PDB file of N, CA and C in Angstrom:
ATOM      1  N   MET A   1       0.822  -1.217  -0.036  1.00  0.00           N
ATOM      2  CA  MET A   1      -0.028  -0.006  -0.023  1.00  0.00           C
ATOM      3  C   MET A   1       0.890   1.259   0.000  1.00  0.00           C
ATOM      4  N   GLY A   2       1.972   1.242   0.720  1.00  0.00           N
ATOM      5  CA  GLY A   2       2.862   2.418   0.763  1.00  0.00           C
ATOM      6  C   GLY A   2       3.437   2.710  -0.556  1.00  0.00           C
ATOM      7  N   SER A   3       3.835   1.701  -1.360  1.00  0.00           N
ATOM      8  CA  SER A   3       4.444   1.910  -2.632  1.00  0.00           C
ATOM      9  C   SER A   3       3.330   2.478  -3.595  1.00  0.00           C
ATOM     10  N   GLU A   4       2.058   2.095  -3.371  1.00  0.00           N
ATOM     11  CA  GLU A   4       0.957   2.671  -4.184  1.00  0.00           C
ATOM     12  C   GLU A   4       0.802   4.166  -3.987  1.00  0.00           C
ATOM     13  N   LYS A   5       0.906   4.587  -2.764  1.00  0.00           N
ATOM     14  CA  LYS A   5       0.876   6.022  -2.410  1.00  0.00           C
ATOM     15  C   LYS A   5       2.028   6.765  -3.030  1.00  0.00           C
ATOM     16  N   HIS A   6       3.174   6.140  -2.987  1.00  0.00           N
ATOM     17  CA  HIS A   6       4.381   6.784  -3.538  1.00  0.00           C
ATOM     18  C   HIS A   6       4.308   6.899  -5.015  1.00  0.00           C
ATOM     19  N   ARG A   7       3.754   5.890  -5.709  1.00  0.00           N
ATOM     20  CA  ARG A   7       3.519   5.894  -7.144  1.00  0.00           C
ATOM     21  C   ARG A   7       2.500   6.955  -7.524  1.00  0.00           C
ATOM     22  N   TYR A   8       1.434   7.087  -6.765  1.00  0.00           N
ATOM     23  CA  TYR A   8       0.410   8.098  -7.004  1.00  0.00           C
ATOM     24  C   TYR A   8       1.019   9.500  -6.924  1.00  0.00           C
ATOM     25  N   ARG A   9       1.809   9.761  -5.906  1.00  0.00           N
ATOM     26  CA  ARG A   9       2.433  11.097  -5.726  1.00  0.00           C
ATOM     27  C   ARG A   9       3.403  11.312  -6.870  1.00  0.00           C
ATOM     28  N   TYR A  10       4.157  10.301  -7.298  1.00  0.00           N
ATOM     29  CA  TYR A  10       5.081  10.431  -8.380  1.00  0.00           C
ATOM     30  C   TYR A  10       4.434  10.907  -9.692  1.00  0.00           C
ATOM     31  N   TYR A  11       3.331  10.186 -10.008  1.00  0.00           N
ATOM     32  CA  TYR A  11       2.619  10.542 -11.253  1.00  0.00           C
ATOM     33  C   TYR A  11       1.880  11.844 -11.144  1.00  0.00           C
ATOM     34  N   LYS A  12       1.362  12.176  -9.958  1.00  0.00           N
ATOM     35  CA  LYS A  12       0.756  13.445  -9.704  1.00  0.00           C
ATOM     36  C   LYS A  12       1.751  14.612  -9.899  1.00  0.00           C
ATOM     37  N   GLY A  13       2.933  14.391  -9.480  1.00  0.00           N
ATOM     38  CA  GLY A  13       4.041  15.397  -9.635  1.00  0.00           C
ATOM     39  C   GLY A  13       4.371  15.571 -11.049  1.00  0.00           C
ATOM     40  N   ILE A  14       4.387  14.478 -11.860  1.00  0.00           N
ATOM     41  CA  ILE A  14       4.631  14.594 -13.259  1.00  0.00           C
ATOM     42  C   ILE A  14       3.480  15.361 -13.952  1.00  0.00           C
ATOM     43  N   ARG A  15       2.257  15.069 -13.590  1.00  0.00           N
ATOM     44  CA  ARG A  15       1.111  15.793 -14.232  1.00  0.00           C
ATOM     45  C   ARG A  15       1.190  17.268 -13.903  1.00  0.00           C
ATOM     46  N   GLN A  16       1.753  17.640 -12.751  1.00  0.00           N
ATOM     47  CA  GLN A  16       1.806  19.095 -12.397  1.00  0.00           C
ATOM     48  C   GLN A  16       2.967  19.814 -12.923  1.00  0.00           C
ATOM     49  N   MET A  17       3.865  19.094 -13.560  1.00  0.00           N
ATOM     50  CA  MET A  17       5.033  19.766 -14.235  1.00  0.00           C
ATOM     51  C   MET A  17       4.555  20.620 -15.370  1.00  0.00           C
ATOM     52  N   ILE A  18       5.400  21.711 -15.669  1.00  0.00           N
ATOM     53  CA  ILE A  18       5.112  22.555 -16.773  1.00  0.00           C
ATOM     54  C   ILE A  18       5.354  21.795 -18.074  1.00  0.00           C
ATOM     55  N   GLN A  19       4.452  21.887 -19.029  1.00  0.00           N
ATOM     56  CA  GLN A  19       4.533  21.167 -20.261  1.00  0.00           C
ATOM     57  C   GLN A  19       5.555  21.885 -21.177  1.00  0.00           C
ATOM     58  N   VAL A  20       6.378  21.173 -21.846  1.00  0.00           N
ATOM     59  CA  VAL A  20       7.381  21.765 -22.719  1.00  0.00           C
ATOM     60  C   VAL A  20       6.939  21.373 -24.164  1.00  0.00           C
ATOM     61  N   SER A  21       6.969  22.413 -25.011  1.00  0.00           N
ATOM     62  CA  SER A  21       6.563  22.189 -26.431  1.00  0.00           C
ATOM     63  C   SER A  21       7.604  21.355 -27.140  1.00  0.00           C
ATOM     64  N   ASP A  22       7.206  20.731 -28.199  1.00  0.00           N
ATOM     65  CA  ASP A  22       8.104  19.979 -29.090  1.00  0.00           C
ATOM     66  C   ASP A  22       9.198  20.897 -29.641  1.00  0.00           C
ATOM     67  N   GLN A  23       8.783  22.105 -30.028  1.00  0.00           N
ATOM     68  CA  GLN A  23       9.777  23.078 -30.571  1.00  0.00           C
ATOM     69  C   GLN A  23      10.833  23.433 -29.518  1.00  0.00           C
ATOM     70  N   ASP A  24      10.389  23.728 -28.319  1.00  0.00           N
ATOM     71  CA  ASP A  24      11.340  24.041 -27.220  1.00  0.00           C
ATOM     72  C   ASP A  24      12.278  22.936 -26.947  1.00  0.00           C
ATOM     73  N   MET A  25      11.693  21.742 -26.995  1.00  0.00           N
ATOM     74  CA  MET A  25      12.578  20.487 -26.635  1.00  0.00           C
ATOM     75  C   MET A  25      13.556  20.336 -27.807  1.00  0.00           C
ATOM     76  N   ASN A  26      13.172  20.463 -29.045  1.00  0.00           N
ATOM     77  CA  ASN A  26      14.083  20.346 -30.159  1.00  0.00           C
ATOM     78  C   ASN A  26      15.151  21.416 -30.183  1.00  0.00           C
ATOM     79  N   THR A  27      14.753  22.604 -29.818  1.00  0.00           N
ATOM     80  CA  THR A  27      15.768  23.708 -29.699  1.00  0.00           C
ATOM     81  C   THR A  27      16.782  23.435 -28.677  1.00  0.00           C
ATOM     82  N   HIS A  28      16.327  23.045 -27.556  1.00  0.00           N
ATOM     83  CA  HIS A  28      17.206  22.695 -26.438  1.00  0.00           C
ATOM     84  C   HIS A  28      18.141  21.509 -26.817  1.00  0.00           C
ATOM     85  N   LEU A  29      17.630  20.474 -27.441  1.00  0.00           N
ATOM     86  CA  LEU A  29      18.465  19.331 -27.850  1.00  0.00           C
ATOM     87  C   LEU A  29      19.464  19.780 -28.919  1.00  0.00           C
ATOM     88  N   ALA A  30      19.084  20.618 -29.854  1.00  0.00           N
ATOM     89  CA  ALA A  30      19.970  21.109 -30.836  1.00  0.00           C
ATOM     90  C   ALA A  30      21.163  21.920 -30.199  1.00  0.00           C
ATOM     91  N   GLU A  31      20.786  22.725 -29.221  1.00  0.00           N
ATOM     92  CA  GLU A  31      21.804  23.551 -28.562  1.00  0.00           C
ATOM     93  C   GLU A  31      22.781  22.618 -27.745  1.00  0.00           C
ATOM     94  N   ILE A  32      22.316  21.641 -27.103  1.00  0.00           N
ATOM     95  CA  ILE A  32      23.154  20.695 -26.412  1.00  0.00           C
ATOM     96  C   ILE A  32      24.091  19.952 -27.392  1.00  0.00           C
ATOM     97  N   SER A  33      23.505  19.597 -28.521  1.00  0.00           N
ATOM     98  CA  SER A  33      24.290  18.879 -29.599  1.00  0.00           C
ATOM     99  C   SER A  33      25.442  19.829 -30.067  1.00  0.00           C
ATOM    100  N   ARG A  34      25.134  21.077 -30.277  1.00  0.00           N
ATOM    101  CA  ARG A  34      26.093  22.038 -30.796  1.00  0.00           C
ATOM    102  C   ARG A  34      27.224  22.215 -29.735  1.00  0.00           C
ATOM    103  N   GLU A  35      26.869  22.272 -28.462  1.00  0.00           N
ATOM    104  CA  GLU A  35      27.823  22.485 -27.404  1.00  0.00           C
ATOM    105  C   GLU A  35      28.841  21.295 -27.297  1.00  0.00           C
ATOM    106  N   HIS A  36      28.384  20.081 -27.611  1.00  0.00           N
ATOM    107  CA  HIS A  36      29.213  18.885 -27.456  1.00  0.00           C
ATOM    108  C   HIS A  36      29.822  18.389 -28.692  1.00  0.00           C
ATOM    109  N   THR A  37      29.518  18.993 -29.865  1.00  0.00           N
ATOM    110  CA  THR A  37      29.972  18.517 -31.150  1.00  0.00           C
ATOM    111  C   THR A  37      31.526  18.592 -31.216  1.00  0.00           C
ATOM    112  N   GLU A  38      32.096  19.666 -30.723  1.00  0.00           N
ATOM    113  CA  GLU A  38      33.509  19.870 -30.827  1.00  0.00           C
ATOM    114  C   GLU A  38      34.211  18.849 -29.932  1.00  0.00           C
ATOM    115  N   SER A  39      33.762  18.552 -28.762  1.00  0.00           N
ATOM    116  CA  SER A  39      34.381  17.618 -27.854  1.00  0.00           C
ATOM    117  C   SER A  39      34.307  16.189 -28.485  1.00  0.00           C
ATOM    118  N   LEU A  40      33.148  15.908 -29.103  1.00  0.00           N
ATOM    119  CA  LEU A  40      32.974  14.579 -29.640  1.00  0.00           C
ATOM    120  C   LEU A  40      33.894  14.385 -30.866  1.00  0.00           C
ATOM    121  N   ASN A  41      34.002  15.408 -31.671  1.00  0.00           N
ATOM    122  CA  ASN A  41      34.867  15.362 -32.886  1.00  0.00           C
ATOM    123  C   ASN A  41      36.336  15.227 -32.400  1.00  0.00           C
ATOM    124  N   THR A  42      36.723  15.932 -31.332  1.00  0.00           N
ATOM    125  CA  THR A  42      38.048  15.829 -30.785  1.00  0.00           C
ATOM    126  C   THR A  42      38.350  14.419 -30.300  1.00  0.00           C
ATOM    127  N   LEU A  43      37.330  13.830 -29.625  1.00  0.00           N
ATOM    128  CA  LEU A  43      37.531  12.436 -29.159  1.00  0.00           C
ATOM    129  C   LEU A  43      37.692  11.435 -30.330  1.00  0.00           C
ATOM    130  N   VAL A  44      36.891  11.633 -31.341  1.00  0.00           N
ATOM    131  CA  VAL A  44      36.968  10.791 -32.521  1.00  0.00           C
ATOM    132  C   VAL A  44      38.351  10.930 -33.164  1.00  0.00           C
ATOM    133  N   ALA A  45      38.827  12.199 -33.286  1.00  0.00           N
ATOM    134  CA  ALA A  45      40.147  12.453 -33.913  1.00  0.00           C
ATOM    135  C   ALA A  45      41.232  11.865 -33.117  1.00  0.00           C
ATOM    136  N   LEU A  46      41.165  11.951 -31.775  1.00  0.00           N
ATOM    137  CA  LEU A  46      42.217  11.378 -30.857  1.00  0.00           C
ATOM    138  C   LEU A  46      42.195   9.842 -30.992  1.00  0.00           C
ATOM    139  N   HIS A  47      41.040   9.304 -31.080  1.00  0.00           N
ATOM    140  CA  HIS A  47      40.967   7.829 -31.214  1.00  0.00           C
ATOM    141  C   HIS A  47      41.531   7.358 -32.524  1.00  0.00           C
ATOM    142  N   GLN A  48      41.226   8.054 -33.590  1.00  0.00           N
ATOM    143  CA  GLN A  48      41.830   7.672 -34.960  1.00  0.00           C
ATOM    144  C   GLN A  48      43.336   7.881 -34.944  1.00  0.00           C
ATOM    145  N   LEU A  49      43.847   8.933 -34.320  1.00  0.00           N
ATOM    146  CA  LEU A  49      45.238   9.140 -34.244  1.00  0.00           C
ATOM    147  C   LEU A  49      45.882   8.044 -33.440  1.00  0.00           C
ATOM    148  N   TYR A  50      45.282   7.690 -32.366  1.00  0.00           N
ATOM    149  CA  TYR A  50      45.793   6.578 -31.501  1.00  0.00           C
ATOM    150  C   TYR A  50      45.850   5.237 -32.275  1.00  0.00           C
ATOM    151  N   GLN A  51      44.738   4.996 -32.998  1.00  0.00           N
ATOM    152  CA  GLN A  51      44.734   3.700 -33.783  1.00  0.00           C
ATOM    153  C   GLN A  51      45.860   3.723 -34.892  1.00  0.00           C
ATOM    154  N   TYR A  52      46.038   4.825 -35.506  1.00  0.00           N
ATOM    155  CA  TYR A  52      47.060   4.992 -36.576  1.00  0.00           C
ATOM    156  C   TYR A  52      48.471   4.780 -35.928  1.00  0.00           C
ATOM    157  N   THR A  53      48.711   5.467 -34.828  1.00  0.00           N
ATOM    158  CA  THR A  53      50.001   5.364 -34.162  1.00  0.00           C
ATOM    159  C   THR A  53      50.232   3.965 -33.690  1.00  0.00           C
ATOM    160  N   LYS A  54      49.255   3.306 -33.158  1.00  0.00           N
ATOM    161  CA  LYS A  54      49.398   1.934 -32.654  1.00  0.00           C
ATOM    162  C   LYS A  54      49.767   1.032 -33.897  1.00  0.00           C
ATOM    163  N   LYS A  55      49.107   1.208 -34.986  1.00  0.00           N
ATOM    164  CA  LYS A  55      49.298   0.337 -36.169  1.00  0.00           C
ATOM    165  C   LYS A  55      50.710   0.521 -36.745  1.00  0.00           C
ATOM    166  N   TYR A  56      51.231   1.779 -36.738  1.00  0.00           N
ATOM    167  CA  TYR A  56      52.484   2.087 -37.379  1.00  0.00           C
ATOM    168  C   TYR A  56      53.590   2.481 -36.353  1.00  0.00           C
ATOM    169  N   TYR A  57      53.439   2.042 -35.082  1.00  0.00           N
ATOM    170  CA  TYR A  57      54.247   2.484 -33.969  1.00  0.00           C
ATOM    171  C   TYR A  57      55.771   2.336 -34.300  1.00  0.00           C
ATOM    172  N   ASP A  58      56.202   1.170 -34.704  1.00  0.00           N
ATOM    173  CA  ASP A  58      57.611   0.948 -34.908  1.00  0.00           C
ATOM    174  C   ASP A  58      58.168   1.896 -35.987  1.00  0.00           C
ATOM    175  N   GLU A  59      57.438   2.032 -37.087  1.00  0.00           N
ATOM    176  CA  GLU A  59      57.884   2.886 -38.207  1.00  0.00           C
ATOM    177  C   GLU A  59      57.960   4.326 -37.712  1.00  0.00           C
ATOM    178  N   ILE A  60      57.015   4.804 -36.883  1.00  0.00           N
ATOM    179  CA  ILE A  60      57.017   6.119 -36.431  1.00  0.00           C
ATOM    180  C   ILE A  60      58.180   6.361 -35.502  1.00  0.00           C
ATOM    181  N   ILE A  61      58.425   5.476 -34.548  1.00  0.00           N
ATOM    182  CA  ILE A  61      59.516   5.553 -33.622  1.00  0.00           C
ATOM    183  C   ILE A  61      60.818   5.652 -34.359  1.00  0.00           C
ATOM    184  N   ASN A  62      61.048   4.727 -35.374  1.00  0.00           N
ATOM    185  CA  ASN A  62      62.299   4.735 -36.158  1.00  0.00           C
ATOM    186  C   ASN A  62      62.470   6.090 -36.866  1.00  0.00           C
ATOM    187  N   ALA A  63      61.375   6.615 -37.461  1.00  0.00           N
ATOM    188  CA  ALA A  63      61.526   7.908 -38.187  1.00  0.00           C
ATOM    189  C   ALA A  63      61.851   8.999 -37.215  1.00  0.00           C
ATOM    190  N   LEU A  64      61.229   9.013 -36.012  1.00  0.00           N
ATOM    191  CA  LEU A  64      61.504  10.049 -35.073  1.00  0.00           C
ATOM    192  C   LEU A  64      62.956   9.948 -34.528  1.00  0.00           C
ATOM    193  N   GLU A  65      63.454   8.741 -34.321  1.00  0.00           N
ATOM    194  CA  GLU A  65      64.790   8.546 -33.879  1.00  0.00           C
ATOM    195  C   GLU A  65      65.820   8.972 -34.884  1.00  0.00           C
ATOM    196  N   GLU A  66      65.540   8.908 -36.172  1.00  0.00           N
ATOM    197  CA  GLU A  66      66.493   9.265 -37.242  1.00  0.00           C
ATOM    198  C   GLU A  66      66.412  10.738 -37.591  1.00  0.00           C
ATOM    199  N   ASP A  67      65.306  11.408 -37.316  1.00  0.00           N
ATOM    200  CA  ASP A  67      65.183  12.816 -37.695  1.00  0.00           C
ATOM    201  C   ASP A  67      65.860  13.722 -36.662  1.00  0.00           C
ATOM    202  N   PRO A  68      66.777  14.604 -37.144  1.00  0.00           N
ATOM    203  CA  PRO A  68      67.527  15.470 -36.244  1.00  0.00           C
ATOM    204  C   PRO A  68      66.604  16.407 -35.398  1.00  0.00           C
ATOM    205  N   SER A  69      65.629  17.007 -36.039  1.00  0.00           N
ATOM    206  CA  SER A  69      64.690  17.889 -35.298  1.00  0.00           C
ATOM    207  C   SER A  69      63.918  17.165 -34.232  1.00  0.00           C
ATOM    208  N   ALA A  70      63.495  15.950 -34.611  1.00  0.00           N
ATOM    209  CA  ALA A  70      62.717  15.112 -33.651  1.00  0.00           C
ATOM    210  C   ALA A  70      63.595  14.640 -32.561  1.00  0.00           C
ATOM    211  N   GLN A  71      64.920  14.407 -32.805  1.00  0.00           N
ATOM    212  CA  GLN A  71      65.887  14.042 -31.768  1.00  0.00           C
ATOM    213  C   GLN A  71      66.027  15.161 -30.769  1.00  0.00           C
ATOM    214  N   ARG A  72      66.201  16.380 -31.274  1.00  0.00           N
ATOM    215  CA  ARG A  72      66.370  17.557 -30.431  1.00  0.00           C
ATOM    216  C   ARG A  72      65.159  17.719 -29.472  1.00  0.00           C
ATOM    217  N   MET A  73      63.948  17.464 -29.988  1.00  0.00           N
ATOM    218  CA  MET A  73      62.757  17.615 -29.210  1.00  0.00           C
ATOM    219  C   MET A  73      62.400  16.338 -28.411  1.00  0.00           C
ATOM    220  N   GLN A  74      63.162  15.334 -28.573  1.00  0.00           N
ATOM    221  CA  GLN A  74      62.975  13.970 -27.906  1.00  0.00           C
ATOM    222  C   GLN A  74      61.635  13.421 -28.182  1.00  0.00           C
ATOM    223  N   LEU A  75      61.166  13.568 -29.462  1.00  0.00           N
ATOM    224  CA  LEU A  75      59.854  13.093 -29.742  1.00  0.00           C
ATOM    225  C   LEU A  75      59.614  11.621 -29.625  1.00  0.00           C
ATOM    226  N   ALA A  76      60.662  10.828 -29.988  1.00  0.00           N
ATOM    227  CA  ALA A  76      60.481   9.385 -29.877  1.00  0.00           C
ATOM    228  C   ALA A  76      60.264   8.994 -28.430  1.00  0.00           C
ATOM    229  N   ILE A  77      61.061   9.581 -27.515  1.00  0.00           N
ATOM    230  CA  ILE A  77      60.880   9.252 -26.107  1.00  0.00           C
ATOM    231  C   ILE A  77      59.503   9.702 -25.690  1.00  0.00           C
ATOM    232  N   ARG A  78      59.051  10.834 -26.068  1.00  0.00           N
ATOM    233  CA  ARG A  78      57.723  11.360 -25.665  1.00  0.00           C
ATOM    234  C   ARG A  78      56.618  10.415 -26.114  1.00  0.00           C
ATOM    235  N   LEU A  79      56.747   9.990 -27.380  1.00  0.00           N
ATOM    236  CA  LEU A  79      55.763   9.077 -27.931  1.00  0.00           C
ATOM    237  C   LEU A  79      55.744   7.755 -27.218  1.00  0.00           C
ATOM    238  N   GLN A  80      56.897   7.274 -26.819  1.00  0.00           N
ATOM    239  CA  GLN A  80      57.006   6.014 -26.038  1.00  0.00           C
ATOM    240  C   GLN A  80      56.374   6.199 -24.695  1.00  0.00           C
ATOM    241  N   GLN A  81      56.541   7.336 -24.070  1.00  0.00           N
ATOM    242  CA  GLN A  81      55.972   7.595 -22.771  1.00  0.00           C
ATOM    243  C   GLN A  81      54.386   7.677 -22.891  1.00  0.00           C
ATOM    244  N   ILE A  82      53.924   8.369 -23.942  1.00  0.00           N
ATOM    245  CA  ILE A  82      52.505   8.401 -24.137  1.00  0.00           C
ATOM    246  C   ILE A  82      51.934   7.045 -24.382  1.00  0.00           C
ATOM    247  N   ALA A  83      52.577   6.275 -25.245  1.00  0.00           N
ATOM    248  CA  ALA A  83      52.141   4.979 -25.610  1.00  0.00           C
ATOM    249  C   ALA A  83      52.107   4.045 -24.354  1.00  0.00           C
ATOM    250  N   ALA A  84      53.114   4.163 -23.470  1.00  0.00           N
ATOM    251  CA  ALA A  84      53.121   3.419 -22.259  1.00  0.00           C
ATOM    252  C   ALA A  84      51.925   3.761 -21.371  1.00  0.00           C
ATOM    253  N   ALA A  85      51.654   5.075 -21.233  1.00  0.00           N
ATOM    254  CA  ALA A  85      50.613   5.559 -20.464  1.00  0.00           C
ATOM    255  C   ALA A  85      49.258   5.080 -20.900  1.00  0.00           C
ATOM    256  N   LEU A  86      49.058   5.098 -22.247  1.00  0.00           N
ATOM    257  CA  LEU A  86      47.803   4.657 -22.839  1.00  0.00           C
ATOM    258  C   LEU A  86      47.614   3.137 -22.753  1.00  0.00           C
ATOM    259  N   GLU A  87      48.681   2.469 -22.791  1.00  0.00           N
ATOM    260  CA  GLU A  87      48.618   0.969 -22.667  1.00  0.00           C
ATOM    261  C   GLU A  87      48.675   0.577 -21.193  1.00  0.00           C
ATOM    262  N   ASN A  88      48.747   1.534 -20.329  1.00  0.00           N
ATOM    263  CA  ASN A  88      48.863   1.298 -18.864  1.00  0.00           C
ATOM    264  C   ASN A  88      50.043   0.430 -18.502  1.00  0.00           C
ATOM    265  N   LYS A  89      51.224   0.732 -19.207  1.00  0.00           N
ATOM    266  CA  LYS A  89      52.432   0.071 -19.009  1.00  0.00           C
ATOM    267  C   LYS A  89      53.375   0.970 -18.156  1.00  0.00           C
ATOM    268  N   VAL A  90      54.285   0.343 -17.456  1.00  0.00           N
ATOM    269  CA  VAL A  90      55.299   1.110 -16.775  1.00  0.00           C
ATOM    270  C   VAL A  90      56.477   1.352 -17.747  1.00  0.00           C
ATOM    271  N   THR A  91      56.993   2.597 -17.679  1.00  0.00           N
ATOM    272  CA  THR A  91      58.123   2.916 -18.540  1.00  0.00           C
ATOM    273  C   THR A  91      59.335   3.189 -17.692  1.00  0.00           C
ATOM    274  N   ASP A  92      60.452   2.810 -18.175  1.00  0.00           N
ATOM    275  CA  ASP A  92      61.683   3.085 -17.437  1.00  0.00           C
ATOM    276  C   ASP A  92      62.393   4.317 -17.895  1.00  0.00           C
ATOM    277  N   LEU A  93      61.720   5.143 -18.663  1.00  0.00           N
ATOM    278  CA  LEU A  93      62.303   6.358 -19.136  1.00  0.00           C
ATOM    279  C   LEU A  93      62.295   7.477 -18.169  1.00  0.00           C
TER     280      LEU A  93
END
């Protein structure tokens, strides 16, 4: 019986809520979508970059180790550290 009263109050509360028009709801959803589009695109791009790097990891590391500019910036070491962090591995660097 107690749960029946609770259910009645729940639905009564819903009936008393302000009604939102379809247009207002669509406008709100479009705004939320616009707000999060950039972050979603960024996540997709990062995931694709990660997949590419994982696939060609050895070739990328070799190229970075051979390139003088990349050597000065220690890019091979940085990529190894990032890869270790992403793979949840311990690095000795």
